[in-house]
């Protein structure tokens, strides 16, 4: 920053600058810097200068600092004679060695593809799904069948039906009418979220205006990898990480709508019943599908936010972000309303959102994996429709969507009977495996069979009803060993003749 001599109140001050001059110079520098971007406003520049004054990066011409009372005016300031910058703590070497090398690329945006959301390309993306090469004989058979053109409307309706079937099955609901309407499932969003992702699985947006501002991404990256990927050439100060965290929090709190949207509030609230240890796998599968329904900008922002939260929560080198609250509790309390809340504020919302955000943060890597089985189900159904043959001309083709079998409740008596029969069948199979195992010696096999007979005498008795059968199977021929030394017994004859 350039400094010069200024005159104020009949006095001359050298090597100083006014607050307005500092803002004039610093504002274009921030806008052109790769860590901030062109969205930085002059007011944000003044706020940064206030942080400089508070942490003694600059001081007024009387040497005063420590407050944030800097205004965009002609007040004079100067640089202190000594630098307030303290060296950053270097992380332990073993932590760096155990840290994966690709984590530094979390928030980098790969080169965007030229695909758009046009319906024609949406249908083409479905055609390009990976599938096995058909046999030549099968191709000839398919050519002889009557093919039917698949409309884009039918493709979209297929996506809606399959997603609803899977969700209804996972959630165990008799109907989704009160939770999710067919019009709320937008196939273009689902396909875009599946096909336009980076190698880390993060959605890539075509319209950069819908993406996170560059300065927010830089702040999130700084926190996610603190202090490993922090720019060592930039000056920091005590409490720097707290100011960066507040910057990120202010952005997400200022969003007009939660990332899960008001529209899907009831859907995500119904998943809360699945957030139990024994239902964890089911909850992850349900959230996988539900997060695919989000608009691509919302899904991207949510995924990046959860990745940042997970890394901050597990970072032992991160200083405390709050004096009286743990880092994990602070993260959940700060961002819960940014993720899930109802359009009408309710007291229960905070508890529900905190519970969901905690689960999302712990399982974000699994939840944002693309469920490819949905693509396979849609493609198989459409292939069936294409090769279906009408019995008569102009006959309507009625295709049945994938069906799923449900558990049928049985009586306690039936359960006990099935339990016994199933267990006995498994034990009988185990016995046969022991008998037919050619790698076991006769001695080891006898030992295992004896142990089996002791544990399961009924099953063993049904397999070997007589000892002859067991002896014949094991070739139980007794071996007679000759004595090492044979002594003849003395014959005593009577003395009488």
Protein backbone atom coordinates (compact mmCIF):
# COMPACT_ATOMS: atom_id res chain seq x y z
CA UNK A 1 0.00 0.00 0.00
CA UNK A 2 1.52 3.36 -0.93
CA UNK A 3 2.22 5.80 1.88
CA UNK A 4 3.01 9.52 1.72
CA UNK A 5 3.07 12.68 3.80
CA UNK A 6 -0.29 14.02 4.91
CA UNK A 7 -1.24 17.27 6.61
CA UNK A 8 -3.93 17.31 9.28
CA UNK A 9 -4.81 19.96 11.85
CA UNK A 10 -1.83 22.12 11.02
CA UNK A 11 0.50 19.18 11.51
CA UNK A 12 2.40 17.10 8.94
CA UNK A 13 2.53 13.29 9.23
CA UNK A 14 4.92 11.21 7.12
CA UNK A 15 4.64 7.63 5.87
CA UNK A 16 0.89 7.35 6.44
CA UNK A 17 -2.37 6.95 4.51
CA UNK A 18 -6.04 7.77 4.95
CA UNK A 19 -8.74 5.16 5.41
CA UNK A 20 -10.35 6.15 2.10
CA UNK A 21 -7.00 5.82 0.29
CA UNK A 22 -6.49 2.39 1.84
CA UNK A 23 -9.93 1.29 0.63
CA UNK A 24 -9.27 2.74 -2.84
CA UNK A 25 -6.07 0.77 -3.14
CA UNK A 26 -7.09 -2.48 -1.40
CA UNK A 27 -10.48 -2.93 -3.11
CA UNK A 28 -9.18 -3.59 -6.66
CA UNK A 29 -6.37 -5.73 -5.23
CA UNK A 30 -8.91 -8.04 -3.53
CA UNK A 31 -11.12 -8.17 -6.63
CA UNK A 32 -8.20 -9.28 -8.80
CA UNK A 33 -6.79 -11.74 -6.25
CA UNK A 34 -7.45 -15.43 -6.83
CA UNK A 35 -8.41 -15.99 -3.19
CA UNK A 36 -11.25 -13.43 -3.21
CA UNK A 37 -12.61 -12.72 -6.71
CA UNK A 38 -14.57 -9.89 -8.35
CA UNK A 39 -17.55 -10.14 -5.98
CA UNK A 40 -15.78 -8.32 -3.14
CA UNK A 41 -17.55 -5.04 -2.26
CA UNK A 42 -16.03 -1.84 -0.92
CA UNK A 43 -17.87 -2.34 2.37
CA UNK A 44 -16.22 -5.74 2.78
CA UNK A 45 -12.88 -4.08 2.09
CA UNK A 46 -13.53 -1.59 4.91
CA UNK A 47 -14.46 -4.48 7.21
CA UNK A 48 -11.14 -6.13 6.41
CA UNK A 49 -9.31 -2.88 7.23
CA UNK A 50 -11.11 -2.84 10.58
CA UNK A 51 -9.76 -6.33 11.27
CA UNK A 52 -6.28 -5.03 10.40
CA UNK A 53 -6.70 -2.23 12.93
CA UNK A 54 -8.01 -4.57 15.62
CA UNK A 55 -5.07 -6.98 15.26
CA UNK A 56 -2.38 -4.25 14.94
CA UNK A 57 -1.65 -4.78 11.26
CA UNK A 58 -2.17 -1.01 11.07
CA UNK A 59 -2.53 1.72 13.71
CA UNK A 60 -3.68 5.31 13.74
CA UNK A 61 -1.14 8.13 13.64
CA UNK A 62 -1.15 8.27 17.45
CA UNK A 63 -0.24 4.57 17.72
CA UNK A 64 -3.67 3.38 18.87
CA UNK A 65 -5.12 0.01 17.76
CA UNK A 66 -7.27 -2.87 19.07
CA UNK A 67 -10.73 -1.53 18.13
CA UNK A 68 -12.77 -1.77 14.90
CA UNK A 69 -13.66 1.92 14.68
CA UNK A 70 -12.22 2.51 11.21
CA UNK A 71 -14.51 4.34 8.79
CA UNK A 72 -14.28 5.09 5.08
CA UNK A 73 -13.07 8.68 5.53
CA UNK A 74 -9.93 10.81 5.73
CA UNK A 75 -8.67 9.55 9.11
CA UNK A 76 -4.93 8.85 8.98
CA UNK A 77 -3.28 5.51 9.70
CA UNK A 78 0.19 4.00 9.45
CA UNK A 79 1.96 0.67 9.67
CA UNK A 80 3.44 -0.29 13.07
CA UNK A 81 7.23 -0.39 13.35
CA UNK A 82 7.18 -4.14 14.15
CA UNK A 83 5.25 -6.87 12.37
CA UNK A 84 2.41 -8.47 14.37
CA UNK A 85 2.43 -11.61 12.27
CA UNK A 86 3.11 -14.83 14.18
CA UNK A 87 4.32 -18.03 12.46
CA UNK A 88 1.65 -20.64 11.92
CA UNK A 89 1.99 -23.90 13.89
CA UNK A 90 3.33 -26.64 11.67
CA UNK A 91 1.35 -29.90 11.82
CA UNK A 92 3.07 -33.08 13.06
CA UNK A 93 4.95 -34.93 10.36
CA UNK A 94 3.14 -38.19 10.98
CA UNK A 95 -0.20 -36.50 10.41
CA UNK A 96 0.97 -35.22 7.05
CA UNK A 97 2.21 -38.62 6.00
CA UNK A 98 -1.13 -40.24 6.87
CA UNK A 99 -3.16 -37.59 5.11
CA UNK A 100 -4.37 -38.58 1.60
CA UNK A 101 -2.77 -36.55 -1.14
CA UNK A 102 -5.97 -35.76 -3.03
CA UNK A 103 -7.66 -33.88 -0.23
CA UNK A 104 -6.21 -30.59 -1.41
CA UNK A 105 -8.45 -30.74 -4.44
CA UNK A 106 -11.78 -30.75 -2.61
CA UNK A 107 -13.04 -27.42 -3.81
CA UNK A 108 -11.27 -27.26 -7.19
CA UNK A 109 -13.72 -27.12 -10.05
CA UNK A 110 -12.75 -29.43 -12.92
CA UNK A 111 -13.32 -28.30 -16.47
CA UNK A 112 -17.02 -28.23 -17.18
CA UNK A 113 -18.49 -30.37 -19.90
CA UNK A 114 -20.61 -28.90 -22.67
CA UNK A 115 -23.73 -30.78 -21.68
CA UNK A 116 -26.85 -28.73 -21.00
CA UNK A 117 -30.19 -29.47 -19.44
CA UNK A 118 -31.96 -29.79 -22.76
CA UNK A 119 -34.49 -32.58 -22.88
CA UNK A 120 -32.97 -34.03 -26.05
CA UNK A 121 -29.56 -34.46 -24.39
CA UNK A 122 -31.30 -35.70 -21.25
CA UNK A 123 -32.70 -38.61 -23.26
CA UNK A 124 -29.35 -39.17 -24.99
CA UNK A 125 -27.56 -39.43 -21.65
CA UNK A 126 -29.91 -42.27 -20.78
CA UNK A 127 -28.98 -44.05 -23.99
CA UNK A 128 -25.26 -43.77 -23.20
CA UNK A 129 -25.46 -45.73 -19.95
CA UNK A 130 -23.05 -48.65 -19.73
CA UNK A 131 -24.63 -51.98 -20.61
CA UNK A 132 -23.41 -55.44 -21.68
CA UNK A 133 -22.85 -56.18 -25.36
CA UNK A 134 -25.72 -58.28 -26.71
CA UNK A 135 -25.20 -61.58 -28.42
CA UNK A 136 -25.52 -61.59 -32.24
CA UNK A 137 -28.34 -64.10 -32.12
CA UNK A 138 -30.21 -61.94 -29.64
CA UNK A 139 -29.72 -58.90 -31.86
CA UNK A 140 -31.33 -60.71 -34.77
CA UNK A 141 -34.25 -61.69 -32.60
CA UNK A 142 -34.70 -58.14 -31.42
CA UNK A 143 -34.64 -56.85 -35.00
CA UNK A 144 -37.54 -59.12 -35.83
CA UNK A 145 -39.57 -57.70 -32.95
CA UNK A 146 -41.74 -54.67 -33.30
CA UNK A 147 -40.01 -51.62 -31.80
CA UNK A 148 -41.82 -48.73 -30.24
CA UNK A 149 -40.58 -45.15 -30.06
CA UNK A 150 -40.04 -43.95 -26.49
CA UNK A 151 -41.12 -40.39 -25.87
CA UNK A 152 -39.29 -38.09 -23.53
CA UNK A 153 -42.44 -37.72 -21.45
CA UNK A 154 -42.54 -41.48 -20.96
CA UNK A 155 -38.87 -41.54 -19.90
CA UNK A 156 -39.54 -38.87 -17.30
CA UNK A 157 -42.62 -40.69 -16.03
CA UNK A 158 -40.55 -43.88 -15.72
CA UNK A 159 -38.01 -42.06 -13.57
CA UNK A 160 -40.77 -40.69 -11.35
CA UNK A 161 -42.39 -44.08 -10.86
CA UNK A 162 -39.17 -45.95 -10.11
CA UNK A 163 -37.98 -43.32 -7.63
CA UNK A 164 -41.35 -43.38 -5.86
CA UNK A 165 -41.36 -47.19 -5.71
CA UNK A 166 -37.87 -47.30 -4.20
CA UNK A 167 -38.61 -44.55 -1.68
CA UNK A 168 -41.90 -46.08 -0.63
CA UNK A 169 -40.20 -49.45 -0.14
CA UNK A 170 -37.30 -47.99 1.87
CA UNK A 171 -39.45 -45.76 4.07
CA UNK A 172 -42.01 -48.51 4.62
CA UNK A 173 -44.95 -46.18 3.95
CA UNK A 174 -48.25 -47.35 2.44
CA UNK A 175 -48.29 -44.23 0.27
CA UNK A 176 -46.14 -41.17 -0.47
CA UNK A 177 -49.07 -38.83 -1.08
CA UNK A 178 -48.52 -36.83 2.11
CA UNK A 179 -44.73 -36.78 1.72
CA UNK A 180 -43.84 -36.48 -1.95
CA UNK A 181 -45.95 -35.65 -4.98
CA UNK A 182 -45.01 -36.86 -8.49
CA UNK A 183 -44.63 -33.26 -9.66
CA UNK A 184 -41.90 -32.75 -7.04
CA UNK A 185 -39.69 -35.32 -8.76
CA UNK A 186 -37.89 -33.50 -11.58
CA UNK A 187 -36.03 -36.10 -13.69
CA UNK A 188 -33.77 -33.44 -15.25
CA UNK A 189 -32.38 -32.63 -11.79
CA UNK A 190 -31.90 -36.32 -10.97
CA UNK A 191 -30.02 -37.09 -14.19
CA UNK A 192 -27.93 -33.94 -13.97
CA UNK A 193 -26.90 -34.75 -10.40
CA UNK A 194 -25.92 -38.25 -11.50
CA UNK A 195 -23.98 -37.44 -14.67
CA UNK A 196 -22.32 -34.05 -14.03
CA UNK A 197 -19.93 -34.73 -11.19
CA UNK A 198 -16.23 -34.34 -10.50
CA UNK A 199 -13.96 -37.24 -9.59
CA UNK A 200 -14.84 -36.54 -5.94
CA UNK A 201 -18.56 -36.90 -6.68
CA UNK A 202 -19.36 -33.17 -6.35
CA UNK A 203 -21.85 -31.70 -8.83
CA UNK A 204 -20.33 -29.40 -11.48
CA UNK A 205 -22.55 -26.45 -12.41
CA UNK A 206 -22.74 -25.09 -15.93
CA UNK A 207 -23.98 -21.69 -14.76
CA UNK A 208 -21.27 -20.30 -12.48
CA UNK A 209 -23.63 -17.57 -11.29
CA UNK A 210 -25.47 -20.25 -9.28
CA UNK A 211 -22.26 -21.50 -7.66
CA UNK A 212 -20.77 -20.43 -4.36
CA UNK A 213 -18.88 -17.12 -4.55
CA UNK A 214 -15.16 -17.53 -5.01
CA UNK A 215 -14.36 -15.91 -1.69
CA UNK A 216 -16.69 -18.32 0.12
CA UNK A 217 -15.03 -21.33 -1.54
CA UNK A 218 -11.62 -19.99 -0.54
CA UNK A 219 -12.74 -19.51 3.05
CA UNK A 220 -14.24 -23.03 3.19
CA UNK A 221 -11.07 -24.55 1.77
CA UNK A 222 -8.97 -22.64 4.30
CA UNK A 223 -11.02 -24.06 7.18
CA UNK A 224 -11.31 -27.58 5.76
CA UNK A 225 -7.53 -28.04 5.57
CA UNK A 226 -6.35 -25.80 8.40
CA UNK A 227 -3.42 -25.31 8.68
CA UNK A 228 -2.10 -27.64 5.95
CA UNK A 229 -3.36 -25.86 2.84
CA UNK A 230 -3.38 -22.36 4.27
CA UNK A 231 -1.54 -19.83 2.12
CA UNK A 232 1.63 -19.26 4.14
CA UNK A 233 2.48 -16.14 2.14
CA UNK A 234 -0.59 -14.35 3.51
CA UNK A 235 -0.46 -12.73 6.92
CA UNK A 236 -2.69 -14.14 9.66
CA UNK A 237 -3.48 -12.99 13.16
CA UNK A 238 -4.85 -14.32 16.40
CA UNK A 239 -8.48 -15.30 15.88
CA UNK A 240 -8.10 -15.41 12.09
CA UNK A 241 -9.80 -18.82 11.84
CA UNK A 242 -12.81 -17.54 13.81
CA UNK A 243 -13.28 -14.63 11.43
CA UNK A 244 -13.07 -16.98 8.43
CA UNK A 245 -15.62 -19.29 10.04
CA UNK A 246 -17.96 -16.37 10.69
CA UNK A 247 -17.60 -15.32 7.04
CA UNK A 248 -18.73 -18.75 5.85
CA UNK A 249 -21.55 -18.89 8.41
CA UNK A 250 -22.82 -15.41 7.46
CA UNK A 251 -23.10 -16.45 3.81
CA UNK A 252 -25.12 -19.61 4.46
CA UNK A 253 -27.31 -17.90 7.07
CA UNK A 254 -28.16 -15.21 4.53
CA UNK A 255 -29.60 -17.69 2.01
CA UNK A 256 -33.34 -17.13 1.52
CA UNK A 257 -34.14 -20.86 1.64
CA UNK A 258 -32.56 -23.88 3.37
CA UNK A 259 -30.39 -26.11 1.20
CA UNK A 260 -32.92 -28.96 1.44
CA UNK A 261 -35.62 -26.46 0.35
CA UNK A 262 -39.02 -25.86 1.91
CA UNK A 263 -40.58 -28.11 -0.72
CA UNK A 264 -38.89 -31.29 0.55
CA UNK A 265 -39.19 -30.50 4.26
CA UNK A 266 -41.79 -33.21 4.98
CA UNK A 267 -39.83 -35.78 3.00
CA UNK A 268 -36.63 -35.33 5.03
CA UNK A 269 -38.53 -35.12 8.32
CA UNK A 270 -39.98 -38.59 7.64
CA UNK A 271 -36.45 -39.97 7.31
CA UNK A 272 -35.69 -38.91 10.89
CA UNK A 273 -37.49 -42.03 12.13
CA UNK A 274 -34.78 -44.10 10.43
CA UNK A 275 -31.88 -42.40 12.22
CA UNK A 276 -31.32 -45.28 14.61
CA UNK A 277 -28.28 -47.54 14.90
CA UNK A 278 -30.02 -50.66 13.59
CA UNK A 279 -31.60 -48.72 10.67
CA UNK A 280 -28.50 -46.78 9.66
CA UNK A 281 -28.08 -48.53 6.29
CA UNK A 282 -31.71 -47.90 5.36
CA UNK A 283 -31.43 -44.22 6.30
CA UNK A 284 -28.38 -43.80 4.09
CA UNK A 285 -30.18 -45.36 1.10
CA UNK A 286 -33.21 -43.11 1.63
CA UNK A 287 -31.06 -39.98 1.87
CA UNK A 288 -29.17 -41.01 -1.26
CA UNK A 289 -32.36 -40.85 -3.30
CA UNK A 290 -33.79 -37.76 -1.58
CA UNK A 291 -30.62 -35.72 -2.13
CA UNK A 292 -30.79 -36.57 -5.84
CA UNK A 293 -34.09 -34.68 -6.04
CA UNK A 294 -32.48 -31.39 -5.01
CA UNK A 295 -31.71 -28.70 -7.58
CA UNK A 296 -28.06 -29.10 -8.65
CA UNK A 297 -26.90 -25.80 -7.04
CA UNK A 298 -28.43 -26.85 -3.70
CA UNK A 299 -26.89 -30.32 -3.86
CA UNK A 300 -23.45 -28.88 -4.62
CA UNK A 301 -23.60 -26.32 -1.80
CA UNK A 302 -24.88 -28.92 0.67
CA UNK A 303 -22.19 -31.43 -0.20
CA UNK A 304 -19.35 -28.90 0.04
CA UNK A 305 -20.70 -27.59 3.35
CA UNK A 306 -20.97 -31.09 4.86
CA UNK A 307 -17.48 -32.03 3.66
CA UNK A 308 -16.08 -28.90 5.27
CA UNK A 309 -17.95 -29.57 8.53
CA UNK A 310 -16.72 -33.18 8.66
CA UNK A 311 -13.10 -32.14 8.14
CA UNK A 312 -13.24 -29.33 10.71
CA UNK A 313 -14.86 -31.65 13.26
CA UNK A 314 -12.10 -34.24 12.85
CA UNK A 315 -9.17 -31.80 12.65
CA UNK A 316 -7.12 -31.96 15.85
CA UNK A 317 -5.01 -29.00 14.72
CA UNK A 318 -7.97 -26.64 14.43
CA UNK A 319 -8.03 -24.06 17.26
CA UNK A 320 -11.23 -23.65 19.24
CA UNK A 321 -13.79 -21.66 17.26
CA UNK A 322 -15.80 -20.80 20.39
CA UNK A 323 -14.77 -20.20 23.99
CA UNK A 324 -17.62 -22.10 25.64
CA UNK A 325 -18.73 -24.61 22.98
CA UNK A 326 -17.08 -27.61 21.35
CA UNK A 327 -16.30 -27.51 17.64
CA UNK A 328 -18.80 -30.22 16.64
CA UNK A 329 -21.64 -28.66 18.64
CA UNK A 330 -20.83 -25.25 17.19
CA UNK A 331 -20.91 -26.60 13.62
CA UNK A 332 -24.27 -28.32 14.07
CA UNK A 333 -25.86 -25.39 15.89
CA UNK A 334 -24.59 -22.85 13.34
CA UNK A 335 -25.53 -24.62 10.12
CA UNK A 336 -28.59 -26.70 11.10
CA UNK A 337 -31.09 -23.99 10.08
CA UNK A 338 -29.19 -23.47 6.84
CA UNK A 339 -29.85 -27.12 5.92
CA UNK A 340 -33.38 -27.90 7.14
CA UNK A 341 -36.19 -25.71 8.44
CA UNK A 342 -39.88 -25.26 7.85
CA UNK A 343 -41.37 -22.22 6.13
CA UNK A 344 -43.32 -21.59 9.32
CA UNK A 345 -40.93 -21.38 12.25
CA UNK A 346 -41.57 -24.03 14.89
CA UNK A 347 -39.79 -24.81 18.16
CA UNK A 348 -39.33 -28.43 17.11
CA UNK A 349 -37.51 -27.46 13.92
CA UNK A 350 -34.18 -26.80 15.62
CA UNK A 351 -34.12 -30.21 17.29
CA UNK A 352 -35.09 -32.05 14.09
CA UNK A 353 -32.61 -30.18 11.92
CA UNK A 354 -29.76 -30.68 14.39
CA UNK A 355 -30.40 -34.42 14.47
CA UNK A 356 -30.49 -34.66 10.67
CA UNK A 357 -27.40 -32.47 10.13
CA UNK A 358 -25.42 -34.56 12.61
CA UNK A 359 -26.27 -37.72 10.64
CA UNK A 360 -25.55 -36.05 7.29
CA UNK A 361 -22.16 -34.84 8.49
CA UNK A 362 -21.14 -38.30 9.74
CA UNK A 363 -22.30 -40.15 6.59
CA UNK A 364 -21.86 -37.49 3.88
CA UNK A 365 -19.46 -39.61 1.83
CA UNK A 366 -21.92 -42.51 1.50
CA UNK A 367 -25.03 -40.35 1.10
CA UNK A 368 -23.66 -38.46 -1.89
CA UNK A 369 -22.64 -41.55 -3.80
CA UNK A 370 -24.70 -41.98 -6.96
CA UNK A 371 -27.14 -44.94 -6.66
CA UNK A 372 -26.51 -46.56 -10.03
CA UNK A 373 -29.21 -49.17 -9.46
CA UNK A 374 -31.79 -46.49 -10.32
CA UNK A 375 -30.19 -45.98 -13.73
CA UNK A 376 -30.14 -49.73 -14.33
CA UNK A 377 -33.82 -50.08 -13.38
CA UNK A 378 -34.86 -47.27 -15.72
CA UNK A 379 -32.74 -48.54 -18.58
CA UNK A 380 -33.99 -52.13 -18.26
CA UNK A 381 -37.59 -50.96 -18.30
CA UNK A 382 -37.08 -48.78 -21.36
CA UNK A 383 -35.28 -51.58 -23.18
CA UNK A 384 -38.23 -53.83 -22.52
CA UNK A 385 -40.52 -51.21 -23.99
CA UNK A 386 -38.40 -50.88 -27.11
CA UNK A 387 -38.31 -54.58 -27.99
CA UNK A 388 -41.80 -55.50 -26.87
CA UNK A 389 -43.85 -57.23 -29.56
CA UNK A 390 -47.57 -56.77 -29.97
CA UNK A 391 -49.69 -59.86 -30.37
CA UNK A 392 -51.91 -58.02 -32.78
CA UNK A 393 -51.43 -54.90 -34.86
CA UNK A 394 -52.15 -51.61 -33.12
CA UNK A 395 -52.36 -53.37 -29.79
CA UNK A 396 -51.31 -51.32 -26.80
CA UNK A 397 -48.16 -52.43 -25.03
CA UNK A 398 -48.58 -52.66 -21.31
CA UNK A 399 -45.24 -52.73 -19.52
CA UNK A 400 -45.05 -53.50 -15.86
CA UNK A 401 -42.68 -51.47 -13.76
CA UNK A 402 -40.27 -53.34 -11.48
CA UNK A 403 -42.09 -54.91 -8.60
CA UNK A 404 -40.73 -55.62 -5.14
CA UNK A 405 -41.65 -58.39 -2.76
CA UNK A 406 -42.54 -57.49 0.80
CA UNK A 407 -42.23 -59.51 4.00
CA UNK A 408 -45.35 -61.35 5.03
CA UNK A 409 -46.13 -61.71 8.71
CA UNK A 410 -46.31 -65.29 9.97
CA UNK A 411 -47.54 -66.88 13.20
CA UNK A 412 -45.15 -67.74 16.06
CA UNK A 413 -45.71 -71.43 15.39
CA UNK A 414 -44.73 -71.06 11.74
CA UNK A 415 -41.67 -69.08 12.78
CA UNK A 416 -40.51 -71.83 15.14
CA UNK A 417 -41.08 -74.51 12.50
CA UNK A 418 -39.15 -72.54 9.87
CA UNK A 419 -36.36 -71.79 12.34
CA UNK A 420 -35.89 -75.47 13.17
CA UNK A 421 -36.10 -76.67 9.57
CA UNK A 422 -33.72 -74.00 8.31
CA UNK A 423 -31.19 -74.63 11.06
CA UNK A 424 -31.31 -78.39 10.57
CA UNK A 425 -30.81 -78.05 6.85
CA UNK A 426 -27.76 -75.84 7.41
CA UNK A 427 -26.26 -78.30 9.93
CA UNK A 428 -26.92 -81.23 7.60
CA UNK A 429 -25.10 -79.37 4.83
CA UNK A 430 -22.19 -78.72 7.17
CA UNK A 431 -22.02 -82.44 8.02
CA UNK A 432 -21.90 -83.35 4.32
CA UNK A 433 -19.08 -80.87 3.76
CA UNK A 434 -17.07 -82.52 6.53
CA UNK A 435 -17.69 -85.98 5.07
CA UNK A 436 -16.75 -84.97 1.50
CA UNK A 437 -13.71 -82.90 2.42
CA UNK A 438 -10.80 -84.73 0.80
CA UNK A 439 -8.21 -82.46 2.39
CA UNK A 440 -8.95 -83.82 5.86
CA UNK A 441 -7.07 -86.82 7.07
CA UNK A 442 -9.01 -89.78 8.47
CA UNK A 443 -7.91 -88.83 11.95
CA UNK A 444 -9.06 -85.20 11.67
CA UNK A 445 -12.29 -86.22 10.02
CA UNK A 446 -13.06 -88.67 12.85
CA UNK A 447 -12.33 -85.92 15.36
CA UNK A 448 -14.70 -83.45 13.69
CA UNK A 449 -17.42 -86.04 13.25
CA UNK A 450 -17.16 -87.00 16.92
CA UNK A 451 -17.52 -83.35 17.90
CA UNK A 452 -20.49 -82.94 15.54
CA UNK A 453 -22.14 -86.07 16.98
CA UNK A 454 -21.79 -84.63 20.46
CA UNK A 455 -23.36 -81.28 19.53
CA UNK A 456 -26.07 -82.48 17.10
CA UNK A 457 -26.85 -86.16 17.88
CA UNK A 458 -30.19 -86.19 16.05
CA UNK A 459 -28.80 -84.89 12.76
CA UNK A 460 -25.81 -87.20 13.06
CA UNK A 461 -28.06 -90.16 13.80
CA UNK A 462 -30.22 -89.50 10.75
CA UNK A 463 -27.11 -89.45 8.55
CA UNK A 464 -25.54 -92.56 10.12
CA UNK A 465 -28.41 -94.71 11.41
CA UNK A 466 -26.03 -97.64 11.97
CA UNK A 467 -22.39 -97.83 12.98
CA UNK A 468 -21.66 -99.97 9.91
CA UNK A 469 -22.42 -97.03 7.64
CA UNK A 470 -19.96 -94.82 9.49
CA UNK A 471 -17.29 -97.50 9.47
CA UNK A 472 -17.77 -98.13 5.76
CA UNK A 473 -17.50 -94.42 4.97
CA UNK A 474 -14.30 -93.92 6.96
CA UNK A 475 -12.84 -97.30 6.00
CA UNK A 476 -12.68 -98.14 9.68
CA UNK A 477 -10.52 -101.22 9.52
CA UNK A 478 -8.86 -101.95 12.83
CA UNK A 479 -5.14 -102.45 12.63
CA UNK A 480 -3.61 -105.12 14.85
CA UNK A 481 -0.14 -104.28 16.03
CA UNK A 482 2.23 -107.15 16.76
CA UNK A 483 3.70 -107.02 20.23
CA UNK A 484 7.33 -106.02 20.39
CA UNK A 485 8.16 -108.87 22.72
CA UNK A 486 6.05 -111.98 23.04
CA UNK A 487 6.49 -114.19 26.07
CA UNK A 488 5.21 -117.71 26.12
CA UNK A 489 3.36 -118.65 29.20
CA UNK A 490 4.89 -121.57 31.01
CA UNK A 491 2.80 -124.66 30.94
CA UNK A 492 2.48 -126.42 34.22
CA UNK A 493 1.97 -130.15 33.97
CA UNK A 494 0.65 -132.19 36.72
CA UNK A 495 3.16 -134.25 38.64
CA UNK A 496 0.74 -137.01 38.64
CA UNK A 497 0.75 -139.37 35.75
